[in-house]
PDB file of N, CA and C in Angstrom:
ATOM      1  N   UNK A   1       0.849  -1.171   0.023  1.00  0.00           N
ATOM      2  CA  UNK A   1       0.033   0.034  -0.013  1.00  0.00           C
ATOM      3  C   UNK A   1       0.858   1.301  -0.005  1.00  0.00           C
ATOM      4  N   UNK A   2       1.972   1.168   0.651  1.00  0.00           N
ATOM      5  CA  UNK A   2       2.913   2.341   0.739  1.00  0.00           C
ATOM      6  C   UNK A   2       3.519   2.684  -0.605  1.00  0.00           C
ATOM      7  N   UNK A   3       3.611   1.714  -1.491  1.00  0.00           N
ATOM      8  CA  UNK A   3       4.195   1.928  -2.804  1.00  0.00           C
ATOM      9  C   UNK A   3       3.170   2.844  -3.663  1.00  0.00           C
ATOM     10  N   UNK A   4       1.915   2.558  -3.491  1.00  0.00           N
ATOM     11  CA  UNK A   4       0.883   3.372  -4.221  1.00  0.00           C
ATOM     12  C   UNK A   4       0.868   4.820  -3.783  1.00  0.00           C
ATOM     13  N   UNK A   5       1.019   4.988  -2.459  1.00  0.00           N
ATOM     14  CA  UNK A   5       1.106   6.394  -1.881  1.00  0.00           C
ATOM     15  C   UNK A   5       2.327   7.135  -2.524  1.00  0.00           C
ATOM     16  N   UNK A   6       3.415   6.457  -2.512  1.00  0.00           N
ATOM     17  CA  UNK A   6       4.646   7.077  -3.032  1.00  0.00           C
ATOM     18  C   UNK A   6       4.469   7.337  -4.607  1.00  0.00           C
ATOM     19  N   UNK A   7       3.853   6.390  -5.320  1.00  0.00           N
ATOM     20  CA  UNK A   7       3.599   6.604  -6.725  1.00  0.00           C
ATOM     21  C   UNK A   7       2.719   7.853  -6.968  1.00  0.00           C
ATOM     22  N   UNK A   8       1.590   7.905  -6.286  1.00  0.00           N
ATOM     23  CA  UNK A   8       0.688   9.018  -6.508  1.00  0.00           C
ATOM     24  C   UNK A   8       1.235  10.361  -5.960  1.00  0.00           C
ATOM     25  N   UNK A   9       2.062  10.286  -4.941  1.00  0.00           N
ATOM     26  CA  UNK A   9       2.709  11.521  -4.488  1.00  0.00           C
ATOM     27  C   UNK A   9       3.706  12.055  -5.519  1.00  0.00           C
ATOM     28  N   UNK A  10       4.464  11.169  -6.163  1.00  0.00           N
ATOM     29  CA  UNK A  10       5.458  11.601  -7.151  1.00  0.00           C
ATOM     30  C   UNK A  10       4.651  12.031  -8.429  1.00  0.00           C
ATOM     31  N   UNK A  11       3.615  11.349  -8.731  1.00  0.00           N
ATOM     32  CA  UNK A  11       2.817  11.742  -9.929  1.00  0.00           C
ATOM     33  C   UNK A  11       2.266  13.206  -9.719  1.00  0.00           C
ATOM     34  N   UNK A  12       1.746  13.418  -8.551  1.00  0.00           N
ATOM     35  CA  UNK A  12       1.172  14.739  -8.171  1.00  0.00           C
ATOM     36  C   UNK A  12       2.271  15.805  -8.340  1.00  0.00           C
ATOM     37  N   UNK A  13       3.448  15.588  -7.832  1.00  0.00           N
ATOM     38  CA  UNK A  13       4.561  16.484  -7.981  1.00  0.00           C
ATOM     39  C   UNK A  13       4.900  16.782  -9.434  1.00  0.00           C
ATOM     40  N   UNK A  14       5.040  15.760 -10.238  1.00  0.00           N
ATOM     41  CA  UNK A  14       5.353  15.843 -11.639  1.00  0.00           C
ATOM     42  C   UNK A  14       4.304  16.699 -12.384  1.00  0.00           C
ATOM     43  N   UNK A  15       2.993  16.346 -12.147  1.00  0.00           N
ATOM     44  CA  UNK A  15       1.916  17.055 -12.804  1.00  0.00           C
ATOM     45  C   UNK A  15       1.896  18.554 -12.364  1.00  0.00           C
ATOM     46  N   UNK A  16       2.145  18.881 -11.136  1.00  0.00           N
ATOM     47  CA  UNK A  16       2.160  20.250 -10.712  1.00  0.00           C
ATOM     48  C   UNK A  16       3.383  21.019 -11.355  1.00  0.00           C
ATOM     49  N   UNK A  17       4.519  20.353 -11.455  1.00  0.00           N
ATOM     50  CA  UNK A  17       5.701  20.978 -12.071  1.00  0.00           C
ATOM     51  C   UNK A  17       5.364  21.274 -13.560  1.00  0.00           C
ATOM     52  N   UNK A  18       4.876  20.248 -14.253  1.00  0.00           N
ATOM     53  CA  UNK A  18       4.538  20.431 -15.685  1.00  0.00           C
ATOM     54  C   UNK A  18       3.512  21.562 -15.851  1.00  0.00           C
ATOM     55  N   UNK A  19       2.507  21.604 -14.962  1.00  0.00           N
ATOM     56  CA  UNK A  19       1.522  22.705 -15.080  1.00  0.00           C
ATOM     57  C   UNK A  19       2.110  24.040 -14.858  1.00  0.00           C
ATOM     58  N   UNK A  20       3.021  24.184 -13.873  1.00  0.00           N
ATOM     59  CA  UNK A  20       3.663  25.421 -13.595  1.00  0.00           C
ATOM     60  C   UNK A  20       4.481  25.886 -14.795  1.00  0.00           C
ATOM     61  N   UNK A  21       5.205  24.921 -15.408  1.00  0.00           N
ATOM     62  CA  UNK A  21       6.073  25.316 -16.582  1.00  0.00           C
ATOM     63  C   UNK A  21       5.194  25.779 -17.717  1.00  0.00           C
ATOM     64  N   UNK A  22       4.041  25.066 -17.982  1.00  0.00           N
ATOM     65  CA  UNK A  22       3.195  25.445 -19.037  1.00  0.00           C
ATOM     66  C   UNK A  22       2.515  26.814 -18.725  1.00  0.00           C
ATOM     67  N   UNK A  23       2.092  26.992 -17.500  1.00  0.00           N
ATOM     68  CA  UNK A  23       1.495  28.292 -17.175  1.00  0.00           C
ATOM     69  C   UNK A  23       2.418  29.459 -17.315  1.00  0.00           C
ATOM     70  N   UNK A  24       3.669  29.272 -16.953  1.00  0.00           N
ATOM     71  CA  UNK A  24       4.682  30.341 -17.090  1.00  0.00           C
ATOM     72  C   UNK A  24       4.969  30.615 -18.587  1.00  0.00           C
ATOM     73  N   UNK A  25       5.132  29.515 -19.359  1.00  0.00           N
ATOM     74  CA  UNK A  25       5.418  29.620 -20.810  1.00  0.00           C
ATOM     75  C   UNK A  25       4.237  30.336 -21.541  1.00  0.00           C
ATOM     76  N   UNK A  26       3.028  29.972 -21.228  1.00  0.00           N
ATOM     77  CA  UNK A  26       1.891  30.628 -21.847  1.00  0.00           C
ATOM     78  C   UNK A  26       1.783  32.078 -21.388  1.00  0.00           C
ATOM     79  N   UNK A  27       2.020  32.336 -20.165  1.00  0.00           N
ATOM     80  CA  UNK A  27       1.950  33.749 -19.709  1.00  0.00           C
ATOM     81  C   UNK A  27       3.016  34.603 -20.400  1.00  0.00           C
ATOM     82  N   UNK A  28       4.232  34.144 -20.586  1.00  0.00           N
ATOM     83  CA  UNK A  28       5.239  34.949 -21.286  1.00  0.00           C
ATOM     84  C   UNK A  28       4.861  35.101 -22.760  1.00  0.00           C
ATOM     85  N   UNK A  29       4.452  34.006 -23.388  1.00  0.00           N
ATOM     86  CA  UNK A  29       4.057  34.065 -24.775  1.00  0.00           C
ATOM     87  C   UNK A  29       2.843  35.060 -24.953  1.00  0.00           C
ATOM     88  N   UNK A  30       1.894  34.974 -24.001  1.00  0.00           N
ATOM     89  CA  UNK A  30       0.746  35.909 -24.116  1.00  0.00           C
ATOM     90  C   UNK A  30       1.144  37.353 -23.885  1.00  0.00           C
ATOM     91  N   UNK A  31       2.101  37.606 -23.059  1.00  0.00           N
ATOM     92  CA  UNK A  31       2.651  38.963 -22.843  1.00  0.00           C
ATOM     93  C   UNK A  31       3.173  39.550 -24.122  1.00  0.00           C
ATOM     94  N   UNK A  32       3.915  38.754 -24.855  1.00  0.00           N
ATOM     95  CA  UNK A  32       4.550  39.228 -26.079  1.00  0.00           C
ATOM     96  C   UNK A  32       3.497  39.317 -27.236  1.00  0.00           C
ATOM     97  N   UNK A  33       2.526  38.522 -27.204  1.00  0.00           N
ATOM     98  CA  UNK A  33       1.452  38.588 -28.166  1.00  0.00           C
ATOM     99  C   UNK A  33       0.660  39.866 -27.965  1.00  0.00           C
ATOM    100  N   UNK A  34       0.268  40.181 -26.685  1.00  0.00           N
ATOM    101  CA  UNK A  34      -0.429  41.407 -26.400  1.00  0.00           C
ATOM    102  C   UNK A  34       0.426  42.643 -26.740  1.00  0.00           C
ATOM    103  N   UNK A  35       1.719  42.582 -26.459  1.00  0.00           N
ATOM    104  CA  UNK A  35       2.618  43.649 -26.789  1.00  0.00           C
ATOM    105  C   UNK A  35       2.614  43.958 -28.277  1.00  0.00           C
ATOM    106  N   UNK A  36       2.680  42.871 -29.066  1.00  0.00           N
ATOM    107  CA  UNK A  36       2.755  42.995 -30.519  1.00  0.00           C
ATOM    108  C   UNK A  36       1.391  43.464 -31.055  1.00  0.00           C
ATOM    109  N   UNK A  37       0.306  43.003 -30.452  1.00  0.00           N
ATOM    110  CA  UNK A  37      -1.009  43.475 -30.896  1.00  0.00           C
ATOM    111  C   UNK A  37      -1.231  44.971 -30.632  1.00  0.00           C
ATOM    112  N   UNK A  38      -0.726  45.422 -29.537  1.00  0.00           N
ATOM    113  CA  UNK A  38      -0.901  46.830 -29.199  1.00  0.00           C
ATOM    114  C   UNK A  38       0.006  47.705 -30.174  1.00  0.00           C
ATOM    115  N   UNK A  39       1.215  47.157 -30.499  1.00  0.00           N
ATOM    116  CA  UNK A  39       2.020  47.925 -31.391  1.00  0.00           C
ATOM    117  C   UNK A  39       1.400  47.970 -32.796  1.00  0.00           C
ATOM    118  N   UNK A  40       0.758  46.901 -33.197  1.00  0.00           N
ATOM    119  CA  UNK A  40       0.029  46.846 -34.456  1.00  0.00           C
ATOM    120  C   UNK A  40      -1.100  47.775 -34.535  1.00  0.00           C
ATOM    121  N   UNK A  41      -1.873  47.794 -33.445  1.00  0.00           N
ATOM    122  CA  UNK A  41      -3.002  48.752 -33.291  1.00  0.00           C
ATOM    123  C   UNK A  41      -2.515  50.172 -33.327  1.00  0.00           C
ATOM    124  N   UNK A  42      -1.433  50.489 -32.711  1.00  0.00           N
ATOM    125  CA  UNK A  42      -0.874  51.791 -32.700  1.00  0.00           C
ATOM    126  C   UNK A  42      -0.447  52.189 -34.126  1.00  0.00           C
ATOM    127  N   UNK A  43       0.168  51.291 -34.870  1.00  0.00           N
ATOM    128  CA  UNK A  43       0.632  51.581 -36.249  1.00  0.00           C
ATOM    129  C   UNK A  43      -0.643  51.855 -37.130  1.00  0.00           C
ATOM    130  N   UNK A  44      -1.679  51.070 -37.020  1.00  0.00           N
ATOM    131  CA  UNK A  44      -2.822  51.203 -37.816  1.00  0.00           C
ATOM    132  C   UNK A  44      -3.554  52.560 -37.472  1.00  0.00           C
ATOM    133  N   UNK A  45      -3.530  52.906 -36.222  1.00  0.00           N
ATOM    134  CA  UNK A  45      -4.105  54.194 -35.815  1.00  0.00           C
ATOM    135  C   UNK A  45      -3.365  55.367 -36.471  1.00  0.00           C
ATOM    136  N   UNK A  46      -2.023  55.252 -36.450  1.00  0.00           N
ATOM    137  CA  UNK A  46      -1.180  56.346 -37.025  1.00  0.00           C
ATOM    138  C   UNK A  46      -1.459  56.394 -38.589  1.00  0.00           C
ATOM    139  N   UNK A  47      -1.559  55.234 -39.257  1.00  0.00           N
ATOM    140  CA  UNK A  47      -1.837  55.182 -40.668  1.00  0.00           C
ATOM    141  C   UNK A  47      -3.173  55.877 -41.003  1.00  0.00           C
ATOM    142  N   UNK A  48      -4.169  55.582 -40.150  1.00  0.00           N
ATOM    143  CA  UNK A  48      -5.459  56.111 -40.351  1.00  0.00           C
ATOM    144  C   UNK A  48      -5.450  57.666 -40.180  1.00  0.00           C
ATOM    145  N   UNK A  49      -4.670  58.126 -39.250  1.00  0.00           N
ATOM    146  CA  UNK A  49      -4.558  59.614 -38.994  1.00  0.00           C
ATOM    147  C   UNK A  49      -3.886  60.301 -40.208  1.00  0.00           C
ATOM    148  N   UNK A  50      -2.864  59.599 -40.808  1.00  0.00           N
ATOM    149  CA  UNK A  50      -2.184  60.161 -41.960  1.00  0.00           C
ATOM    150  C   UNK A  50      -3.029  60.257 -43.197  1.00  0.00           C
ATOM    151  N   UNK A  51      -4.058  59.469 -43.307  1.00  0.00           N
ATOM    152  CA  UNK A  51      -4.904  59.493 -44.489  1.00  0.00           C
ATOM    153  C   UNK A  51      -5.911  60.598 -44.425  1.00  0.00           C
TER     154      UNK A  51
END
């Protein structure tokens, strides 16, 4: 019975670590996507003002 508790304990740790890595990766990627989107919107706004 102790082996199952060890197995599930390690599995929980692995899943939480993978989740944390994915969450950080997606947050960083999302930050750069939003930054690029705002820059694009700013460029489009400037082009519209020039016309």
